[in-house]
Amino acid sequence: MPYNKIKSTKRFSFGISRNPTAKKAGSNVVTIATNPSDADYYSTSTVGLTMTVKEATALQGFLNTELGGYVADPALLESSDSSMLG
């Protein structure tokens, strides 16, 4: 059964799309995209990054190691917890 999820912060959107039964490339991906900003300080064009779930797991391991026991403030996450489109 396919699984799609998006989490957003003020500056970034994180998405995951998994289909455990699909065997073709691109069926299990993680995306990170910048959100447009009204503030000049963080003003950049929107940029997106797509990686496989396997690559994202390697990134997760790196971040867990380097950030140690740091726990993000839940208030930083917006309530846009919705299914991915496409």
C-alpha atoms as a PDB file:
ATOM      1  CA  MET A   1       0.000   0.000   0.000  1.00  0.00           C
ATOM      2  CA  PRO A   2       1.481   3.404  -0.992  1.00  0.00           C
ATOM      3  CA  TYR A   3       2.430   5.870   1.754  1.00  0.00           C
ATOM      4  CA  ASN A   4       2.748   9.640   1.199  1.00  0.00           C
ATOM      5  CA  LYS A   5       3.412  12.298   3.824  1.00  0.00           C
ATOM      6  CA  ILE A   6       4.512  15.959   3.977  1.00  0.00           C
ATOM      7  CA  LYS A   7       5.784  17.994   6.937  1.00  0.00           C
ATOM      8  CA  SER A   8       6.535  21.700   6.603  1.00  0.00           C
ATOM      9  CA  THR A   9       8.354  24.367   8.551  1.00  0.00           C
ATOM     10  CA  LYS A  10       8.440  28.062   7.761  1.00  0.00           C
ATOM     11  CA  ARG A  11      11.416  27.577   5.432  1.00  0.00           C
ATOM     12  CA  PHE A  12      11.279  23.940   4.265  1.00  0.00           C
ATOM     13  CA  SER A  13       8.907  21.193   3.150  1.00  0.00           C
ATOM     14  CA  PHE A  14       9.853  17.549   3.696  1.00  0.00           C
ATOM     15  CA  GLY A  15       8.063  14.750   1.894  1.00  0.00           C
ATOM     16  CA  ILE A  16       8.208  10.990   1.626  1.00  0.00           C
ATOM     17  CA  SER A  17       6.578   8.706  -0.915  1.00  0.00           C
ATOM     18  CA  ARG A  18       6.870   4.937  -0.459  1.00  0.00           C
ATOM     19  CA  ASN A  19       5.410   2.033  -2.344  1.00  0.00           C
ATOM     20  CA  PRO A  20       6.822  -1.208  -0.936  1.00  0.00           C
ATOM     21  CA  THR A  21       5.433  -3.319  -3.782  1.00  0.00           C
ATOM     22  CA  ALA A  22       6.783  -1.130  -6.631  1.00  0.00           C
ATOM     23  CA  LYS A  23      10.139  -2.168  -8.040  1.00  0.00           C
ATOM     24  CA  LYS A  24      10.853   0.657 -10.474  1.00  0.00           C
ATOM     25  CA  ALA A  25      13.130   3.651  -9.840  1.00  0.00           C
ATOM     26  CA  GLY A  26      11.463   6.645  -8.249  1.00  0.00           C
ATOM     27  CA  SER A  27       8.801   4.752  -6.338  1.00  0.00           C
ATOM     28  CA  ASN A  28      10.467   5.293  -2.926  1.00  0.00           C
ATOM     29  CA  VAL A  29      11.688   8.870  -2.595  1.00  0.00           C
ATOM     30  CA  VAL A  30      12.268  11.603  -0.036  1.00  0.00           C
ATOM     31  CA  THR A  31      12.058  15.264  -1.026  1.00  0.00           C
ATOM     32  CA  ILE A  32      13.307  18.425   0.659  1.00  0.00           C
ATOM     33  CA  ALA A  33      12.245  21.759  -0.812  1.00  0.00           C
ATOM     34  CA  THR A  34      12.653  25.370   0.217  1.00  0.00           C
ATOM     35  CA  ASN A  35       9.507  27.426   0.654  1.00  0.00           C
ATOM     36  CA  PRO A  36       9.204  30.934  -0.759  1.00  0.00           C
ATOM     37  CA  SER A  37       9.926  33.613   1.826  1.00  0.00           C
ATOM     38  CA  ASP A  38       8.607  37.141   2.223  1.00  0.00           C
ATOM     39  CA  ALA A  39      11.572  38.139   4.373  1.00  0.00           C
ATOM     40  CA  ASP A  40      14.637  39.469   2.560  1.00  0.00           C
ATOM     41  CA  TYR A  41      17.002  37.842   5.053  1.00  0.00           C
ATOM     42  CA  TYR A  42      16.203  34.283   3.912  1.00  0.00           C
ATOM     43  CA  SER A  43      15.163  35.237   0.403  1.00  0.00           C
ATOM     44  CA  THR A  44      16.265  32.589  -2.101  1.00  0.00           C
ATOM     45  CA  SER A  45      14.739  30.974  -5.098  1.00  0.00           C
ATOM     46  CA  THR A  46      12.906  27.767  -4.308  1.00  0.00           C
ATOM     47  CA  VAL A  47      15.118  24.706  -4.547  1.00  0.00           C
ATOM     48  CA  GLY A  48      14.263  21.034  -4.276  1.00  0.00           C
ATOM     49  CA  LEU A  49      16.251  17.895  -3.543  1.00  0.00           C
ATOM     50  CA  THR A  50      15.050  14.362  -4.200  1.00  0.00           C
ATOM     51  CA  MET A  51      16.765  11.233  -2.892  1.00  0.00           C
ATOM     52  CA  THR A  52      15.961   7.585  -2.473  1.00  0.00           C
ATOM     53  CA  VAL A  53      14.699   6.331   0.876  1.00  0.00           C
ATOM     54  CA  LYS A  54      17.995   4.444   1.209  1.00  0.00           C
ATOM     55  CA  GLU A  55      19.963   7.678   0.727  1.00  0.00           C
ATOM     56  CA  ALA A  56      17.657   9.470   3.164  1.00  0.00           C
ATOM     57  CA  THR A  57      18.312   6.752   5.752  1.00  0.00           C
ATOM     58  CA  ALA A  58      22.057   7.385   5.369  1.00  0.00           C
ATOM     59  CA  LEU A  59      21.414  11.131   5.843  1.00  0.00           C
ATOM     60  CA  GLN A  60      19.302  10.374   8.914  1.00  0.00           C
ATOM     61  CA  GLY A  61      22.136   8.326  10.424  1.00  0.00           C
ATOM     62  CA  PHE A  62      24.599  11.147   9.791  1.00  0.00           C
ATOM     63  CA  LEU A  63      22.301  13.758  11.337  1.00  0.00           C
ATOM     64  CA  ASN A  64      21.521  11.559  14.347  1.00  0.00           C
ATOM     65  CA  THR A  65      25.245  11.079  14.960  1.00  0.00           C
ATOM     66  CA  GLU A  66      26.238  14.705  14.465  1.00  0.00           C
ATOM     67  CA  LEU A  67      23.302  16.302  16.262  1.00  0.00           C
ATOM     68  CA  GLY A  68      23.481  13.874  19.169  1.00  0.00           C
ATOM     69  CA  GLY A  69      20.492  14.029  21.467  1.00  0.00           C
ATOM     70  CA  TYR A  70      19.209  17.353  20.148  1.00  0.00           C
ATOM     71  CA  VAL A  71      15.402  17.410  20.042  1.00  0.00           C
ATOM     72  CA  ALA A  72      13.691  19.991  17.824  1.00  0.00           C
ATOM     73  CA  ASP A  73      11.099  22.321  19.280  1.00  0.00           C
ATOM     74  CA  PRO A  74       7.690  20.957  18.152  1.00  0.00           C
ATOM     75  CA  ALA A  75       6.497  24.568  17.749  1.00  0.00           C
ATOM     76  CA  LEU A  76       8.830  24.875  14.745  1.00  0.00           C
ATOM     77  CA  LEU A  77       6.698  22.425  12.787  1.00  0.00           C
ATOM     78  CA  GLU A  78       3.588  23.801  11.158  1.00  0.00           C
ATOM     79  CA  SER A  79       0.391  21.818  11.085  1.00  0.00           C
ATOM     80  CA  SER A  80       0.548  21.107   7.338  1.00  0.00           C
ATOM     81  CA  ASP A  81       0.724  17.367   7.782  1.00  0.00           C
ATOM     82  CA  SER A  82      -0.936  16.226   4.561  1.00  0.00           C
ATOM     83  CA  SER A  83      -0.640  13.711   1.773  1.00  0.00           C
ATOM     84  CA  MET A  84       1.725  14.462  -1.072  1.00  0.00           C
ATOM     85  CA  LEU A  85       0.269  15.297  -4.419  1.00  0.00           C
ATOM     86  CA  GLY A  86       1.562  13.582  -7.504  1.00  0.00           C
END
